[in-house]
C-alpha cells in the first residue's frame, strides 16, 4: 500500500495591506513588488485606479469642456450639447478604459519579457505589477488637473518638453511632449516590479526595456501629430 500522503499546499506569504500598497508604490517599489510576486493581487487596485481616473474627469469644470469642443470647431448649440455630453461620457469612458488598460499592458510586457526574453513569471504577476503602477498614473492625473483647468486644455502636461519651451512646434517638440514625466515614472516603477518577479533579471535592464517602449510609442505619436496636424 502506498504510504504517500499528499501534503497541503503552503499558504502564500501575506502581502502588504491595500493602504500600505498605495504609498509603497512611490517609496518602496522593490519591497512591494517582491511581496506581490509571491502573493499577487490586481483587481482591487485596478478598480481603485479606474474609479480614481474617472473621478478626476468629473472635477473638470464645464468651461474646460466647452473650450475643448470650441477648439474642435463647434459653436452655439452644438458646442453646448457636445460639452454636456463629454462631461458625462468622459468619466464613464475613462473608468471603463482603465479597467482594460492594465490587461492590455500586461499582455505586452508578458510577451516581451516572458515569451521573448525568457523571464520566469506568471501572467497574474505581471498584471499585479502593472495594476499597482497605475497609482503613479492616477497621481499624475491629479497633478495635471489644475493645469488643465488653468489652461483649459488637456494637452497641458508635465513632460520632457516642458523643459524646452523655446523649441518651435515640430517633430522634436511633439516627441519630447509625449515623454510625460509621470509616464516615465510609471515605466521605471514597472521595470523594478517586473524584474523583481525573476531573481535572475536586473532592474536596470528591465527598466531600460520599459523606457524604450515608451520612446517608441512617443516617436509614433509624434510622427502622427506632425503628419496630420495643420499647425506643423
Protein backbone atom coordinates (compact mmCIF):
# COMPACT_ATOMS: atom_id res chain seq x y z
CA UNK A 1 0.00 0.00 0.00
CA UNK A 2 1.33 3.40 -0.92
CA UNK A 3 2.34 5.34 2.18
CA UNK A 4 2.46 8.61 0.22
CA UNK A 5 0.24 11.29 1.71
CA UNK A 6 -0.45 14.45 -0.22
CA UNK A 7 0.87 17.46 1.59
CA UNK A 8 -1.34 20.56 1.76
CA UNK A 9 -0.17 23.46 -0.38
CA UNK A 10 1.80 26.02 1.54
CA UNK A 11 -0.12 29.25 2.00
CA UNK A 12 1.44 32.26 0.23
CA UNK A 13 3.14 34.81 2.48
CA UNK A 14 0.97 37.77 3.45
CA UNK A 15 1.12 40.80 1.19
CA UNK A 16 1.09 44.42 2.44
CA UNK A 17 -2.44 45.63 3.03
CA UNK A 18 -4.20 47.81 0.46
CA UNK A 19 -3.48 51.16 2.09
CA UNK A 20 0.19 50.34 2.57
CA UNK A 21 0.48 49.34 -1.07
CA UNK A 22 -0.74 52.80 -2.12
CA UNK A 23 2.32 54.53 -0.70
CA UNK A 24 4.82 51.72 -1.15
CA UNK A 25 4.48 52.11 -4.93
CA UNK A 26 6.17 55.50 -4.53
CA UNK A 27 8.71 54.93 -1.77
CA UNK A 28 9.37 51.17 -1.58
CA UNK A 29 8.55 49.70 -5.01
CA UNK A 30 11.17 46.97 -4.81
CA UNK A 31 9.91 45.67 -1.48
CA UNK A 32 6.27 45.93 -2.57
CA UNK A 33 6.69 44.08 -5.84
CA UNK A 34 8.83 41.37 -4.28
CA UNK A 35 5.94 40.68 -1.89
CA UNK A 36 3.35 40.85 -4.67
CA UNK A 37 5.40 38.44 -6.75
CA UNK A 38 4.90 35.82 -4.04
CA UNK A 39 1.25 36.71 -3.43
CA UNK A 40 -0.12 38.72 -6.38
CA UNK A 41 -3.29 40.79 -6.32
CA UNK A 42 -4.62 43.02 -9.05
CA UNK A 43 -8.37 43.65 -9.35
CA UNK A 44 -8.99 45.82 -6.24
CA UNK A 45 -6.12 48.12 -7.25
CA UNK A 46 -7.24 48.18 -10.88
CA UNK A 47 -10.75 49.15 -9.79
CA UNK A 48 -9.40 51.82 -7.44
CA UNK A 49 -7.23 53.39 -10.15
CA UNK A 50 -10.04 53.25 -12.72
CA UNK A 51 -12.51 54.85 -10.32
CA UNK A 52 -9.96 57.50 -9.37
CA UNK A 53 -9.27 58.34 -13.01
CA UNK A 54 -12.98 58.68 -13.65
CA UNK A 55 -13.34 60.90 -10.58
CA UNK A 56 -10.61 63.22 -11.84
CA UNK A 57 -12.61 63.91 -15.00
CA UNK A 58 -15.77 64.63 -13.00
CA UNK A 59 -13.85 67.53 -11.45
CA UNK A 60 -13.11 69.15 -14.82
CA UNK A 61 -15.30 72.30 -14.95
CA UNK A 62 -17.76 72.92 -17.82
CA UNK A 63 -15.72 75.75 -19.32
CA UNK A 64 -12.80 73.39 -20.00
CA UNK A 65 -15.07 71.01 -21.92
CA UNK A 66 -16.51 73.96 -23.82
CA UNK A 67 -13.01 75.14 -24.72
CA UNK A 68 -12.14 71.67 -25.98
CA UNK A 69 -15.27 71.49 -28.12
CA UNK A 70 -14.65 75.00 -29.45
CA UNK A 71 -11.10 74.00 -30.41
CA UNK A 72 -12.67 71.21 -32.44
CA UNK A 73 -14.68 73.74 -34.46
CA UNK A 74 -18.04 73.54 -32.70
CA UNK A 75 -20.09 76.57 -31.73
CA UNK A 76 -23.52 77.59 -30.49
CA UNK A 77 -25.95 74.85 -29.51
CA UNK A 78 -23.72 72.13 -30.93
CA UNK A 79 -20.91 73.25 -28.64
CA UNK A 80 -23.17 73.23 -25.57
CA UNK A 81 -24.56 69.78 -26.38
CA UNK A 82 -21.13 68.31 -27.08
CA UNK A 83 -19.64 69.78 -23.90
CA UNK A 84 -22.54 68.47 -21.81
CA UNK A 85 -22.18 65.03 -23.38
CA UNK A 86 -18.44 64.99 -22.81
CA UNK A 87 -18.88 65.82 -19.12
CA UNK A 88 -20.96 62.66 -18.75
CA UNK A 89 -19.18 60.35 -21.17
CA UNK A 90 -15.57 61.15 -20.22
CA UNK A 91 -15.68 59.92 -16.59
CA UNK A 92 -17.57 56.75 -17.55
CA UNK A 93 -15.37 56.07 -20.55
CA UNK A 94 -12.22 56.70 -18.54
CA UNK A 95 -13.33 54.31 -15.79
CA UNK A 96 -14.10 51.56 -18.30
CA UNK A 97 -10.88 52.16 -20.23
CA UNK A 98 -8.70 51.88 -17.15
CA UNK A 99 -10.31 48.58 -16.25
CA UNK A 100 -8.98 47.23 -19.55
CA UNK A 101 -5.67 49.10 -19.96
CA UNK A 102 -3.76 47.10 -17.27
CA UNK A 103 -4.76 43.87 -19.04
CA UNK A 104 -3.51 45.14 -22.40
CA UNK A 105 -0.21 46.42 -21.00
CA UNK A 106 0.32 43.18 -19.07
CA UNK A 107 -0.12 41.18 -22.28
CA UNK A 108 2.55 43.34 -23.94
CA UNK A 109 5.02 43.03 -21.05
CA UNK A 110 4.36 39.30 -20.74
CA UNK A 111 5.04 38.71 -24.43
CA UNK A 112 8.23 40.80 -24.40
CA UNK A 113 9.70 39.66 -21.10
CA UNK A 114 8.46 36.07 -20.77
CA UNK A 115 7.99 34.82 -24.33
CA UNK A 116 10.82 36.80 -25.93
CA UNK A 117 13.35 37.34 -23.13
CA UNK A 118 12.57 34.16 -21.22
CA UNK A 119 11.69 35.54 -17.79
CA UNK A 120 10.27 33.14 -15.23
CA UNK A 121 6.99 34.82 -14.29
CA UNK A 122 3.25 34.23 -14.48
CA UNK A 123 0.74 36.50 -16.21
CA UNK A 124 -1.04 37.21 -12.93
CA UNK A 125 2.23 38.52 -11.50
CA UNK A 126 2.65 40.88 -14.44
CA UNK A 127 -0.95 42.04 -14.04
CA UNK A 128 -0.36 42.64 -10.34
CA UNK A 129 2.67 44.85 -11.05
CA UNK A 130 1.01 46.85 -13.83
CA UNK A 131 -2.19 47.43 -11.85
CA UNK A 132 -0.22 48.84 -8.91
CA UNK A 133 1.94 51.03 -11.14
CA UNK A 134 -1.32 52.67 -12.20
CA UNK A 135 -1.28 54.52 -8.86
CA UNK A 136 1.54 56.67 -10.24
CA UNK A 137 -0.59 57.48 -13.28
CA UNK A 138 -3.52 58.40 -11.04
CA UNK A 139 -1.28 60.76 -9.07
CA UNK A 140 -0.18 62.27 -12.38
CA UNK A 141 -3.76 62.95 -13.43
CA UNK A 142 -4.45 64.60 -10.06
CA UNK A 143 -1.40 66.83 -10.54
CA UNK A 144 -2.38 67.67 -14.12
CA UNK A 145 -5.98 68.58 -13.21
CA UNK A 146 -5.13 72.15 -12.03
CA UNK A 147 -3.06 72.64 -15.18
CA UNK A 148 -5.96 71.57 -17.38
CA UNK A 149 -8.27 73.94 -15.55
CA UNK A 150 -5.86 76.87 -15.74
CA UNK A 151 -5.12 76.46 -19.45
CA UNK A 152 -8.50 74.99 -20.50
CA UNK A 153 -6.58 72.32 -22.42
CA UNK A 154 -5.95 68.64 -21.81
CA UNK A 155 -2.75 68.95 -23.84
CA UNK A 156 -1.04 70.76 -20.96
CA UNK A 157 1.09 68.13 -19.22
CA UNK A 158 4.37 67.85 -17.37
CA UNK A 159 6.79 66.29 -19.83
CA UNK A 160 10.36 66.46 -21.05
CA UNK A 161 9.06 69.09 -23.47
CA UNK A 162 8.13 71.28 -20.50
CA UNK A 163 11.84 71.98 -20.04
CA UNK A 164 12.26 73.07 -23.66
CA UNK A 165 9.65 75.82 -24.18
CA UNK A 166 11.97 77.59 -26.61
CA UNK A 167 11.60 74.83 -29.21
CA UNK A 168 9.32 75.62 -32.10
CA UNK A 169 6.40 73.39 -32.95
CA UNK A 170 7.61 70.39 -34.87
CA UNK A 171 8.52 66.73 -34.58
CA UNK A 172 11.17 67.14 -31.86
CA UNK A 173 8.93 69.20 -29.57
CA UNK A 174 5.99 66.85 -30.19
CA UNK A 175 8.20 63.88 -29.31
CA UNK A 176 9.50 65.45 -26.10
CA UNK A 177 5.95 66.37 -25.13
CA UNK A 178 4.94 62.72 -25.46
CA UNK A 179 7.52 61.78 -22.81
CA UNK A 180 5.37 62.71 -19.85
CA UNK A 181 7.16 62.68 -16.51
CA UNK A 182 4.60 60.54 -14.73
CA UNK A 183 4.58 58.03 -17.60
CA UNK A 184 8.36 57.77 -17.34
CA UNK A 185 7.99 57.27 -13.59
CA UNK A 186 5.49 54.50 -14.30
CA UNK A 187 7.97 52.89 -16.67
CA UNK A 188 10.70 52.91 -14.03
CA UNK A 189 8.36 51.51 -11.36
CA UNK A 190 7.10 48.82 -13.73
CA UNK A 191 10.66 47.86 -14.62
CA UNK A 192 11.56 47.49 -10.95
CA UNK A 193 8.43 45.44 -10.31
CA UNK A 194 8.74 43.13 -13.30
CA UNK A 195 12.42 42.49 -12.57
CA UNK A 196 11.51 41.52 -9.00
CA UNK A 197 9.45 38.62 -10.37
CA UNK A 198 12.59 36.83 -11.63
CA UNK A 199 15.72 36.96 -9.43
CA UNK A 200 17.90 36.34 -12.50
CA UNK A 201 16.86 39.66 -14.08
CA UNK A 202 18.27 43.03 -13.12
CA UNK A 203 16.08 46.04 -12.54
CA UNK A 204 18.29 48.17 -14.77
CA UNK A 205 17.78 46.11 -17.91
CA UNK A 206 14.05 45.76 -17.35
CA UNK A 207 13.62 49.48 -16.69
CA UNK A 208 15.53 50.15 -19.91
CA UNK A 209 13.13 47.92 -21.86
CA UNK A 210 10.10 49.71 -20.41
CA UNK A 211 11.55 53.12 -21.26
CA UNK A 212 12.46 52.04 -24.79
CA UNK A 213 8.83 51.01 -25.30
CA UNK A 214 7.75 54.50 -24.21
CA UNK A 215 10.26 56.11 -26.54
CA UNK A 216 8.98 54.05 -29.47
CA UNK A 217 5.38 54.98 -28.67
CA UNK A 218 6.42 58.63 -28.30
CA UNK A 219 8.08 58.59 -31.71
CA UNK A 220 4.99 57.05 -33.27
CA UNK A 221 2.62 59.57 -31.65
CA UNK A 222 4.87 62.49 -32.57
CA UNK A 223 5.03 61.24 -36.15
CA UNK A 224 1.24 61.09 -36.35
CA UNK A 225 0.92 64.55 -34.82
CA UNK A 226 3.30 66.15 -37.28
CA UNK A 227 1.79 64.30 -40.21
CA UNK A 228 -1.86 65.15 -39.55
CA UNK A 229 -1.80 68.43 -37.62
CA UNK A 230 -2.07 71.53 -39.83
CA UNK A 231 -0.14 73.58 -37.26
CA UNK A 232 3.13 71.74 -38.02
